[in-house]
Amino acid sequence: MSIVKINVLTVPAEQRETLEQRFAARAGAVEGSDGFEWFELLRPVEGTDTYLVYTRWRSEEDFQRWMSGRAQAAHGGAPGEKPRPAATDATLWSFEVVQQAAPRQD
């Protein structure tokens, strides 16, 4: 079954728009990667400054291959032009999908 990676980002209120704009600008950066299955950027709605970046992959190997290739390029930016990070902290959670369900197709 698939694996899920959730990047937990602490984002101060004044940096939320910047974070969302950066993700919008990188649209398509991961979608063509071998083994990629799903992406969601989850905005907090109350009581927290934590965004969740949800990705699902066919395997850990597919995720690691992306991390060592396209992810480094996507997060690197042009030499000498690294913008200040929008997040003040980041943690990566990893999960294996053991059950899943989809809406019924009637």
PDB file of N, CA and C in Angstrom:
ATOM      1  N   MET A   1       0.821  -1.189   0.000  1.00  0.00           N
ATOM      2  CA  MET A   1       0.000   0.000   0.000  1.00  0.00           C
ATOM      3  C   MET A   1       0.867   1.256   0.000  1.00  0.00           C
ATOM      4  N   SER A   2       0.244   2.363  -0.167  1.00  0.00           N
ATOM      5  CA  SER A   2       0.913   3.664  -0.255  1.00  0.00           C
ATOM      6  C   SER A   2       1.513   4.093   1.074  1.00  0.00           C
ATOM      7  N   ILE A   3       2.358   5.118   0.991  1.00  0.00           N
ATOM      8  CA  ILE A   3       2.865   5.781   2.185  1.00  0.00           C
ATOM      9  C   ILE A   3       2.448   7.244   2.132  1.00  0.00           C
ATOM     10  N   VAL A   4       2.323   7.847   3.299  1.00  0.00           N
ATOM     11  CA  VAL A   4       1.921   9.249   3.414  1.00  0.00           C
ATOM     12  C   VAL A   4       3.027   9.993   4.146  1.00  0.00           C
ATOM     13  N   LYS A   5       3.360  11.162   3.630  1.00  0.00           N
ATOM     14  CA  LYS A   5       4.307  12.065   4.279  1.00  0.00           C
ATOM     15  C   LYS A   5       3.553  13.351   4.572  1.00  0.00           C
ATOM     16  N   ILE A   6       3.613  13.784   5.820  1.00  0.00           N
ATOM     17  CA  ILE A   6       2.960  15.028   6.224  1.00  0.00           C
ATOM     18  C   ILE A   6       4.030  15.953   6.782  1.00  0.00           C
ATOM     19  N   ASN A   7       4.245  17.051   6.086  1.00  0.00           N
ATOM     20  CA  ASN A   7       5.184  18.056   6.549  1.00  0.00           C
ATOM     21  C   ASN A   7       4.398  19.040   7.412  1.00  0.00           C
ATOM     22  N   VAL A   8       4.756  19.127   8.672  1.00  0.00           N
ATOM     23  CA  VAL A   8       4.071  19.967   9.650  1.00  0.00           C
ATOM     24  C   VAL A   8       4.845  21.278   9.752  1.00  0.00           C
ATOM     25  N   LEU A   9       4.232  22.371   9.301  1.00  0.00           N
ATOM     26  CA  LEU A   9       4.904  23.669   9.232  1.00  0.00           C
ATOM     27  C   LEU A   9       4.285  24.662  10.200  1.00  0.00           C
ATOM     28  N   THR A  10       5.088  25.244  11.058  1.00  0.00           N
ATOM     29  CA  THR A  10       4.640  26.328  11.922  1.00  0.00           C
ATOM     30  C   THR A  10       4.822  27.622  11.139  1.00  0.00           C
ATOM     31  N   VAL A  11       3.711  28.325  10.899  1.00  0.00           N
ATOM     32  CA  VAL A  11       3.739  29.516  10.051  1.00  0.00           C
ATOM     33  C   VAL A  11       3.076  30.680  10.797  1.00  0.00           C
ATOM     34  N   PRO A  12       3.845  31.706  11.125  1.00  0.00           N
ATOM     35  CA  PRO A  12       3.257  32.881  11.779  1.00  0.00           C
ATOM     36  C   PRO A  12       2.198  33.518  10.875  1.00  0.00           C
ATOM     37  N   ALA A  13       1.212  34.156  11.471  1.00  0.00           N
ATOM     38  CA  ALA A  13       0.100  34.756  10.719  1.00  0.00           C
ATOM     39  C   ALA A  13       0.581  35.658   9.595  1.00  0.00           C
ATOM     40  N   GLU A  14       1.629  36.444   9.839  1.00  0.00           N
ATOM     41  CA  GLU A  14       2.101  37.383   8.817  1.00  0.00           C
ATOM     42  C   GLU A  14       2.806  36.689   7.644  1.00  0.00           C
ATOM     43  N   GLN A  15       3.076  35.385   7.758  1.00  0.00           N
ATOM     44  CA  GLN A  15       3.747  34.640   6.682  1.00  0.00           C
ATOM     45  C   GLN A  15       2.811  33.682   5.939  1.00  0.00           C
ATOM     46  N   ARG A  16       1.553  33.588   6.366  1.00  0.00           N
ATOM     47  CA  ARG A  16       0.623  32.640   5.738  1.00  0.00           C
ATOM     48  C   ARG A  16       0.448  32.890   4.250  1.00  0.00           C
ATOM     49  N   GLU A  17       0.211  34.131   3.876  1.00  0.00           N
ATOM     50  CA  GLU A  17       0.004  34.449   2.460  1.00  0.00           C
ATOM     51  C   GLU A  17       1.249  34.108   1.648  1.00  0.00           C
ATOM     52  N   THR A  18       2.419  34.397   2.199  1.00  0.00           N
ATOM     53  CA  THR A  18       3.679  34.080   1.518  1.00  0.00           C
ATOM     54  C   THR A  18       3.801  32.587   1.288  1.00  0.00           C
ATOM     55  N   LEU A  19       3.528  31.790   2.317  1.00  0.00           N
ATOM     56  CA  LEU A  19       3.603  30.335   2.186  1.00  0.00           C
ATOM     57  C   LEU A  19       2.658  29.836   1.097  1.00  0.00           C
ATOM     58  N   GLU A  20       1.414  30.288   1.132  1.00  0.00           N
ATOM     59  CA  GLU A  20       0.426  29.824   0.155  1.00  0.00           C
ATOM     60  C   GLU A  20       0.806  30.252  -1.258  1.00  0.00           C
ATOM     61  N   GLN A  21       1.352  31.450  -1.414  1.00  0.00           N
ATOM     62  CA  GLN A  21       1.789  31.908  -2.738  1.00  0.00           C
ATOM     63  C   GLN A  21       2.948  31.067  -3.248  1.00  0.00           C
ATOM     64  N   ARG A  22       3.856  30.701  -2.374  1.00  0.00           N
ATOM     65  CA  ARG A  22       4.996  29.866  -2.782  1.00  0.00           C
ATOM     66  C   ARG A  22       4.531  28.493  -3.238  1.00  0.00           C
ATOM     67  N   PHE A  23       3.572  27.914  -2.536  1.00  0.00           N
ATOM     68  CA  PHE A  23       3.054  26.613  -2.964  1.00  0.00           C
ATOM     69  C   PHE A  23       2.299  26.738  -4.284  1.00  0.00           C
ATOM     70  N   ALA A  24       1.535  27.811  -4.452  1.00  0.00           N
ATOM     71  CA  ALA A  24       0.809  28.025  -5.711  1.00  0.00           C
ATOM     72  C   ALA A  24       1.794  28.176  -6.865  1.00  0.00           C
ATOM     73  N   ALA A  25       2.911  28.838  -6.636  1.00  0.00           N
ATOM     74  CA  ALA A  25       3.911  29.065  -7.681  1.00  0.00           C
ATOM     75  C   ALA A  25       4.618  27.779  -8.083  1.00  0.00           C
ATOM     76  N   ARG A  26       4.666  26.803  -7.200  1.00  0.00           N
ATOM     77  CA  ARG A  26       5.339  25.552  -7.508  1.00  0.00           C
ATOM     78  C   ARG A  26       4.366  24.482  -8.016  1.00  0.00           C
ATOM     79  N   ALA A  27       3.142  24.869  -8.306  1.00  0.00           N
ATOM     80  CA  ALA A  27       2.144  23.914  -8.815  1.00  0.00           C
ATOM     81  C   ALA A  27       2.727  23.140  -9.987  1.00  0.00           C
ATOM     82  N   GLY A  28       2.596  21.830  -9.926  1.00  0.00           N
ATOM     83  CA  GLY A  28       3.106  20.969 -10.979  1.00  0.00           C
ATOM     84  C   GLY A  28       4.496  20.431 -10.704  1.00  0.00           C
ATOM     85  N   ALA A  29       5.176  20.926  -9.659  1.00  0.00           N
ATOM     86  CA  ALA A  29       6.546  20.506  -9.383  1.00  0.00           C
ATOM     87  C   ALA A  29       6.659  19.050  -8.949  1.00  0.00           C
ATOM     88  N   VAL A  30       5.636  18.514  -8.340  1.00  0.00           N
ATOM     89  CA  VAL A  30       5.701  17.137  -7.840  1.00  0.00           C
ATOM     90  C   VAL A  30       4.818  16.181  -8.652  1.00  0.00           C
ATOM     91  N   GLU A  31       3.818  16.708  -9.321  1.00  0.00           N
ATOM     92  CA  GLU A  31       2.801  15.884  -9.958  1.00  0.00           C
ATOM     93  C   GLU A  31       3.335  14.907 -10.993  1.00  0.00           C
ATOM     94  N   GLY A  32       4.424  15.218 -11.657  1.00  0.00           N
ATOM     95  CA  GLY A  32       4.977  14.320 -12.669  1.00  0.00           C
ATOM     96  C   GLY A  32       5.971  13.315 -12.128  1.00  0.00           C
ATOM     97  N   SER A  33       6.192  13.317 -10.823  1.00  0.00           N
ATOM     98  CA  SER A  33       7.175  12.417 -10.220  1.00  0.00           C
ATOM     99  C   SER A  33       6.663  10.986 -10.179  1.00  0.00           C
ATOM    100  N   ASP A  34       7.553  10.053 -10.499  1.00  0.00           N
ATOM    101  CA  ASP A  34       7.197   8.642 -10.479  1.00  0.00           C
ATOM    102  C   ASP A  34       6.783   8.226  -9.070  1.00  0.00           C
ATOM    103  N   GLY A  35       5.636   7.612  -8.947  1.00  0.00           N
ATOM    104  CA  GLY A  35       5.144   7.141  -7.662  1.00  0.00           C
ATOM    105  C   GLY A  35       4.317   8.144  -6.889  1.00  0.00           C
ATOM    106  N   PHE A  36       4.242   9.383  -7.353  1.00  0.00           N
ATOM    107  CA  PHE A  36       3.435  10.402  -6.679  1.00  0.00           C
ATOM    108  C   PHE A  36       1.964  10.087  -6.856  1.00  0.00           C
ATOM    109  N   GLU A  37       1.173  10.198  -5.778  1.00  0.00           N
ATOM    110  CA  GLU A  37      -0.261   9.899  -5.847  1.00  0.00           C
ATOM    111  C   GLU A  37      -1.165  11.071  -5.454  1.00  0.00           C
ATOM    112  N   TRP A  38      -0.744  11.926  -4.511  1.00  0.00           N
ATOM    113  CA  TRP A  38      -1.675  12.960  -4.048  1.00  0.00           C
ATOM    114  C   TRP A  38      -0.930  14.049  -3.303  1.00  0.00           C
ATOM    115  N   PHE A  39      -1.442  15.286  -3.363  1.00  0.00           N
ATOM    116  CA  PHE A  39      -0.913  16.423  -2.623  1.00  0.00           C
ATOM    117  C   PHE A  39      -2.072  17.263  -2.106  1.00  0.00           C
ATOM    118  N   GLU A  40      -1.927  17.771  -0.880  1.00  0.00           N
ATOM    119  CA  GLU A  40      -2.850  18.767  -0.334  1.00  0.00           C
ATOM    120  C   GLU A  40      -2.079  19.687   0.602  1.00  0.00           C
ATOM    121  N   LEU A  41      -2.341  20.989   0.491  1.00  0.00           N
ATOM    122  CA  LEU A  41      -1.849  21.966   1.452  1.00  0.00           C
ATOM    123  C   LEU A  41      -3.034  22.308   2.340  1.00  0.00           C
ATOM    124  N   LEU A  42      -2.911  22.019   3.633  1.00  0.00           N
ATOM    125  CA  LEU A  42      -4.014  22.224   4.572  1.00  0.00           C
ATOM    126  C   LEU A  42      -3.743  23.444   5.444  1.00  0.00           C
ATOM    127  N   ARG A  43      -4.642  24.435   5.345  1.00  0.00           N
ATOM    128  CA  ARG A  43      -4.543  25.684   6.104  1.00  0.00           C
ATOM    129  C   ARG A  43      -5.269  25.519   7.438  1.00  0.00           C
ATOM    130  N   PRO A  44      -4.662  25.977   8.549  1.00  0.00           N
ATOM    131  CA  PRO A  44      -5.361  25.908   9.835  1.00  0.00           C
ATOM    132  C   PRO A  44      -6.535  26.887   9.855  1.00  0.00           C
ATOM    133  N   VAL A  45      -7.614  26.502  10.507  1.00  0.00           N
ATOM    134  CA  VAL A  45      -8.779  27.383  10.565  1.00  0.00           C
ATOM    135  C   VAL A  45      -9.010  27.977  11.947  1.00  0.00           C
ATOM    136  N   GLU A  46      -8.494  27.352  12.994  1.00  0.00           N
ATOM    137  CA  GLU A  46      -8.678  27.943  14.312  1.00  0.00           C
ATOM    138  C   GLU A  46      -7.713  27.334  15.326  1.00  0.00           C
ATOM    139  N   GLY A  47      -7.186  28.183  16.185  1.00  0.00           N
ATOM    140  CA  GLY A  47      -6.427  27.718  17.334  1.00  0.00           C
ATOM    141  C   GLY A  47      -5.022  27.205  17.089  1.00  0.00           C
ATOM    142  N   THR A  48      -4.486  27.354  15.880  1.00  0.00           N
ATOM    143  CA  THR A  48      -3.133  26.877  15.640  1.00  0.00           C
ATOM    144  C   THR A  48      -2.492  27.662  14.501  1.00  0.00           C
ATOM    145  N   ASP A  49      -1.190  27.649  14.461  1.00  0.00           N
ATOM    146  CA  ASP A  49      -0.460  28.279  13.363  1.00  0.00           C
ATOM    147  C   ASP A  49       0.248  27.208  12.527  1.00  0.00           C
ATOM    148  N   THR A  50      -0.294  26.000  12.543  1.00  0.00           N
ATOM    149  CA  THR A  50       0.326  24.855  11.881  1.00  0.00           C
ATOM    150  C   THR A  50      -0.368  24.510  10.572  1.00  0.00           C
ATOM    151  N   TYR A  51       0.386  24.561   9.490  1.00  0.00           N
ATOM    152  CA  TYR A  51      -0.069  24.076   8.188  1.00  0.00           C
ATOM    153  C   TYR A  51       0.380  22.632   8.044  1.00  0.00           C
ATOM    154  N   LEU A  52      -0.379  21.843   7.302  1.00  0.00           N
ATOM    155  CA  LEU A  52       0.013  20.472   6.981  1.00  0.00           C
ATOM    156  C   LEU A  52       0.153  20.352   5.471  1.00  0.00           C
ATOM    157  N   VAL A  53       1.277  19.791   5.044  1.00  0.00           N
ATOM    158  CA  VAL A  53       1.508  19.512   3.629  1.00  0.00           C
ATOM    159  C   VAL A  53       1.433  17.995   3.488  1.00  0.00           C
ATOM    160  N   TYR A  54       0.345  17.520   2.888  1.00  0.00           N
ATOM    161  CA  TYR A  54       0.057  16.092   2.780  1.00  0.00           C
ATOM    162  C   TYR A  54       0.449  15.604   1.393  1.00  0.00           C
ATOM    163  N   THR A  55       1.306  14.584   1.347  1.00  0.00           N
ATOM    164  CA  THR A  55       1.595  13.917   0.074  1.00  0.00           C
ATOM    165  C   THR A  55       1.474  12.418   0.282  1.00  0.00           C
ATOM    166  N   ARG A  56       1.001  11.747  -0.776  1.00  0.00           N
ATOM    167  CA  ARG A  56       0.892  10.283  -0.752  1.00  0.00           C
ATOM    168  C   ARG A  56       1.724   9.741  -1.906  1.00  0.00           C
ATOM    169  N   TRP A  57       2.456   8.660  -1.623  1.00  0.00           N
ATOM    170  CA  TRP A  57       3.389   8.069  -2.572  1.00  0.00           C
ATOM    171  C   TRP A  57       3.154   6.569  -2.678  1.00  0.00           C
ATOM    172  N   ARG A  58       3.477   6.021  -3.810  1.00  0.00           N
ATOM    173  CA  ARG A  58       3.356   4.578  -4.036  1.00  0.00           C
ATOM    174  C   ARG A  58       4.266   3.802  -3.082  1.00  0.00           C
ATOM    175  N   SER A  59       5.462   4.339  -2.807  1.00  0.00           N
ATOM    176  CA  SER A  59       6.415   3.637  -1.939  1.00  0.00           C
ATOM    177  C   SER A  59       7.380   4.631  -1.299  1.00  0.00           C
ATOM    178  N   GLU A  60       8.048   4.180  -0.254  1.00  0.00           N
ATOM    179  CA  GLU A  60       9.097   4.989   0.384  1.00  0.00           C
ATOM    180  C   GLU A  60      10.216   5.278  -0.613  1.00  0.00           C
ATOM    181  N   GLU A  61      10.541   4.318  -1.446  1.00  0.00           N
ATOM    182  CA  GLU A  61      11.598   4.503  -2.439  1.00  0.00           C
ATOM    183  C   GLU A  61      11.248   5.627  -3.416  1.00  0.00           C
ATOM    184  N   ASP A  62       9.982   5.696  -3.849  1.00  0.00           N
ATOM    185  CA  ASP A  62       9.553   6.776  -4.750  1.00  0.00           C
ATOM    186  C   ASP A  62       9.708   8.130  -4.069  1.00  0.00           C
ATOM    187  N   PHE A  63       9.301   8.215  -2.805  1.00  0.00           N
ATOM    188  CA  PHE A  63       9.436   9.465  -2.062  1.00  0.00           C
ATOM    189  C   PHE A  63      10.909   9.853  -1.929  1.00  0.00           C
ATOM    190  N   GLN A  64      11.769   8.910  -1.554  1.00  0.00           N
ATOM    191  CA  GLN A  64      13.190   9.198  -1.378  1.00  0.00           C
ATOM    192  C   GLN A  64      13.836   9.623  -2.696  1.00  0.00           C
ATOM    193  N   ARG A  65      13.426   9.001  -3.793  1.00  0.00           N
ATOM    194  CA  ARG A  65      13.952   9.370  -5.113  1.00  0.00           C
ATOM    195  C   ARG A  65      13.568  10.828  -5.436  1.00  0.00           C
ATOM    196  N   TRP A  66      12.313  11.186  -5.137  1.00  0.00           N
ATOM    197  CA  TRP A  66      11.872  12.563  -5.359  1.00  0.00           C
ATOM    198  C   TRP A  66      12.656  13.521  -4.451  1.00  0.00           C
ATOM    199  N   MET A  67      12.830  13.148  -3.183  1.00  0.00           N
ATOM    200  CA  MET A  67      13.552  14.010  -2.238  1.00  0.00           C
ATOM    201  C   MET A  67      14.986  14.260  -2.689  1.00  0.00           C
ATOM    202  N   SER A  68      15.624  13.270  -3.260  1.00  0.00           N
ATOM    203  CA  SER A  68      17.027  13.432  -3.643  1.00  0.00           C
ATOM    204  C   SER A  68      17.178  14.081  -5.016  1.00  0.00           C
ATOM    205  N   GLY A  69      16.076  14.270  -5.724  1.00  0.00           N
ATOM    206  CA  GLY A  69      16.149  14.871  -7.053  1.00  0.00           C
ATOM    207  C   GLY A  69      15.343  16.145  -7.150  1.00  0.00           C
ATOM    208  N   ARG A  70      14.101  16.002  -7.573  1.00  0.00           N
ATOM    209  CA  ARG A  70      13.243  17.165  -7.833  1.00  0.00           C
ATOM    210  C   ARG A  70      12.983  18.023  -6.600  1.00  0.00           C
ATOM    211  N   ALA A  71      12.855  17.414  -5.436  1.00  0.00           N
ATOM    212  CA  ALA A  71      12.562  18.196  -4.223  1.00  0.00           C
ATOM    213  C   ALA A  71      13.697  19.147  -3.901  1.00  0.00           C
ATOM    214  N   GLN A  72      14.927  18.687  -4.043  1.00  0.00           N
ATOM    215  CA  GLN A  72      16.069  19.560  -3.777  1.00  0.00           C
ATOM    216  C   GLN A  72      16.074  20.736  -4.739  1.00  0.00           C
ATOM    217  N   ALA A  73      15.787  20.464  -5.997  1.00  0.00           N
ATOM    218  CA  ALA A  73      15.748  21.542  -6.990  1.00  0.00           C
ATOM    219  C   ALA A  73      14.615  22.521  -6.688  1.00  0.00           C
ATOM    220  N   ALA A  74      13.439  21.996  -6.317  1.00  0.00           N
ATOM    221  CA  ALA A  74      12.273  22.842  -6.052  1.00  0.00           C
ATOM    222  C   ALA A  74      12.481  23.728  -4.827  1.00  0.00           C
ATOM    223  N   HIS A  75      13.202  23.244  -3.825  1.00  0.00           N
ATOM    224  CA  HIS A  75      13.394  24.006  -2.598  1.00  0.00           C
ATOM    225  C   HIS A  75      14.682  24.826  -2.599  1.00  0.00           C
ATOM    226  N   GLY A  76      15.518  24.631  -3.602  1.00  0.00           N
ATOM    227  CA  GLY A  76      16.796  25.307  -3.624  1.00  0.00           C
ATOM    228  C   GLY A  76      16.738  26.742  -4.089  1.00  0.00           C
ATOM    229  N   GLY A  77      15.946  27.030  -5.114  1.00  0.00           N
ATOM    230  CA  GLY A  77      15.903  28.380  -5.669  1.00  0.00           C
ATOM    231  C   GLY A  77      17.163  28.679  -6.451  1.00  0.00           C
ATOM    232  N   ALA A  78      17.219  29.840  -7.006  1.00  0.00           N
ATOM    233  CA  ALA A  78      18.396  30.245  -7.766  1.00  0.00           C
ATOM    234  C   ALA A  78      19.536  30.574  -6.808  1.00  0.00           C
ATOM    235  N   PRO A  79      20.770  30.335  -7.222  1.00  0.00           N
ATOM    236  CA  PRO A  79      21.904  30.640  -6.345  1.00  0.00           C
ATOM    237  C   PRO A  79      21.888  32.107  -5.926  1.00  0.00           C
ATOM    238  N   GLY A  80      22.089  32.344  -4.621  1.00  0.00           N
ATOM    239  CA  GLY A  80      22.128  33.702  -4.108  1.00  0.00           C
ATOM    240  C   GLY A  80      20.773  34.367  -3.941  1.00  0.00           C
ATOM    241  N   GLU A  81      19.693  33.673  -4.286  1.00  0.00           N
ATOM    242  CA  GLU A  81      18.360  34.277  -4.215  1.00  0.00           C
ATOM    243  C   GLU A  81      17.427  33.544  -3.262  1.00  0.00           C
ATOM    244  N   LYS A  82      17.964  32.925  -2.215  1.00  0.00           N
ATOM    245  CA  LYS A  82      17.113  32.162  -1.310  1.00  0.00           C
ATOM    246  C   LYS A  82      16.245  33.100  -0.472  1.00  0.00           C
ATOM    247  N   PRO A  83      14.923  33.016  -0.643  1.00  0.00           N
ATOM    248  CA  PRO A  83      14.046  33.850   0.190  1.00  0.00           C
ATOM    249  C   PRO A  83      13.985  33.300   1.613  1.00  0.00           C
ATOM    250  N   ARG A  84      13.662  34.156   2.520  1.00  0.00           N
ATOM    251  CA  ARG A  84      13.495  33.749   3.912  1.00  0.00           C
ATOM    252  C   ARG A  84      12.370  32.725   4.015  1.00  0.00           C
ATOM    253  N   PRO A  85      12.565  31.639   4.777  1.00  0.00           N
ATOM    254  CA  PRO A  85      11.491  30.654   4.924  1.00  0.00           C
ATOM    255  C   PRO A  85      10.237  31.274   5.528  1.00  0.00           C
ATOM    256  N   ALA A  86       9.078  30.840   5.063  1.00  0.00           N
ATOM    257  CA  ALA A  86       7.816  31.322   5.625  1.00  0.00           C
ATOM    258  C   ALA A  86       7.500  30.614   6.935  1.00  0.00           C
ATOM    259  N   ALA A  87       7.984  29.388   7.083  1.00  0.00           N
ATOM    260  CA  ALA A  87       7.739  28.601   8.298  1.00  0.00           C
ATOM    261  C   ALA A  87       8.871  28.826   9.292  1.00  0.00           C
ATOM    262  N   THR A  88       8.535  28.818  10.573  1.00  0.00           N
ATOM    263  CA  THR A  88       9.548  28.950  11.614  1.00  0.00           C
ATOM    264  C   THR A  88       9.985  27.598  12.153  1.00  0.00           C
ATOM    265  N   ASP A  89       9.255  26.534  11.802  1.00  0.00           N
ATOM    266  CA  ASP A  89       9.599  25.180  12.239  1.00  0.00           C
ATOM    267  C   ASP A  89       8.967  24.194  11.270  1.00  0.00           C
ATOM    268  N   ALA A  90       9.602  23.039  11.105  1.00  0.00           N
ATOM    269  CA  ALA A  90       9.058  21.999  10.224  1.00  0.00           C
ATOM    270  C   ALA A  90       9.412  20.631  10.775  1.00  0.00           C
ATOM    271  N   THR A  91       8.441  19.727  10.714  1.00  0.00           N
ATOM    272  CA  THR A  91       8.621  18.340  11.132  1.00  0.00           C
ATOM    273  C   THR A  91       7.994  17.465  10.067  1.00  0.00           C
ATOM    274  N   LEU A  92       8.629  16.340   9.744  1.00  0.00           N
ATOM    275  CA  LEU A  92       8.075  15.416   8.756  1.00  0.00           C
ATOM    276  C   LEU A  92       7.544  14.180   9.454  1.00  0.00           C
ATOM    277  N   TRP A  93       6.249  13.916   9.266  1.00  0.00           N
ATOM    278  CA  TRP A  93       5.625  12.705   9.785  1.00  0.00           C
ATOM    279  C   TRP A  93       5.513  11.701   8.649  1.00  0.00           C
ATOM    280  N   SER A  94       5.674  10.417   8.959  1.00  0.00           N
ATOM    281  CA  SER A  94       5.567   9.355   7.951  1.00  0.00           C
ATOM    282  C   SER A  94       4.574   8.295   8.413  1.00  0.00           C
ATOM    283  N   PHE A  95       3.747   7.831   7.470  1.00  0.00           N
ATOM    284  CA  PHE A  95       2.727   6.834   7.771  1.00  0.00           C
ATOM    285  C   PHE A  95       2.629   5.830   6.629  1.00  0.00           C
ATOM    286  N   GLU A  96       2.220   4.617   6.937  1.00  0.00           N
ATOM    287  CA  GLU A  96       1.841   3.641   5.928  1.00  0.00           C
ATOM    288  C   GLU A  96       0.322   3.612   5.875  1.00  0.00           C
ATOM    289  N   VAL A  97      -0.236   3.553   4.689  1.00  0.00           N
ATOM    290  CA  VAL A  97      -1.684   3.435   4.538  1.00  0.00           C
ATOM    291  C   VAL A  97      -2.049   1.967   4.761  1.00  0.00           C
ATOM    292  N   VAL A  98      -2.857   1.704   5.771  1.00  0.00           N
ATOM    293  CA  VAL A  98      -3.266   0.324   6.056  1.00  0.00           C
ATOM    294  C   VAL A  98      -4.730   0.078   5.718  1.00  0.00           C
ATOM    295  N   GLN A  99      -5.518   1.148   5.611  1.00  0.00           N
ATOM    296  CA  GLN A  99      -6.906   1.057   5.176  1.00  0.00           C
ATOM    297  C   GLN A  99      -7.246   2.332   4.446  1.00  0.00           C
ATOM    298  N   GLN A 100      -8.134   2.238   3.486  1.00  0.00           N
ATOM    299  CA  GLN A 100      -8.622   3.433   2.799  1.00  0.00           C
ATOM    300  C   GLN A 100     -10.019   3.178   2.264  1.00  0.00           C
ATOM    301  N   ALA A 101     -10.735   4.245   2.013  1.00  0.00           N
ATOM    302  CA  ALA A 101     -12.094   4.160   1.459  1.00  0.00           C
ATOM    303  C   ALA A 101     -12.298   5.336   0.540  1.00  0.00           C
ATOM    304  N   ALA A 102     -13.131   5.144  -0.425  1.00  0.00           N
ATOM    305  CA  ALA A 102     -13.505   6.208  -1.366  1.00  0.00           C
ATOM    306  C   ALA A 102     -15.028   6.264  -1.440  1.00  0.00           C
ATOM    307  N   PRO A 103     -15.586   7.370  -1.903  1.00  0.00           N
ATOM    308  CA  PRO A 103     -17.040   7.451  -2.041  1.00  0.00           C
ATOM    309  C   PRO A 103     -17.546   6.353  -2.978  1.00  0.00           C
ATOM    310  N   ARG A 104     -18.732   5.877  -2.698  1.00  0.00           N
ATOM    311  CA  ARG A 104     -19.355   4.878  -3.574  1.00  0.00           C
ATOM    312  C   ARG A 104     -19.723   5.498  -4.906  1.00  0.00           C
ATOM    313  N   GLN A 105     -19.575   4.758  -5.932  1.00  0.00           N
ATOM    314  CA  GLN A 105     -19.960   5.190  -7.270  1.00  0.00           C
ATOM    315  C   GLN A 105     -21.309   4.557  -7.588  1.00  0.00           C
ATOM    316  N   ASP A 106     -22.393   5.302  -7.365  1.00  0.00           N
ATOM    317  CA  ASP A 106     -23.748   4.765  -7.609  1.00  0.00           C
ATOM    318  C   ASP A 106     -24.178   5.007  -9.024  1.00  0.00           C
TER     319      ASP A 106
END
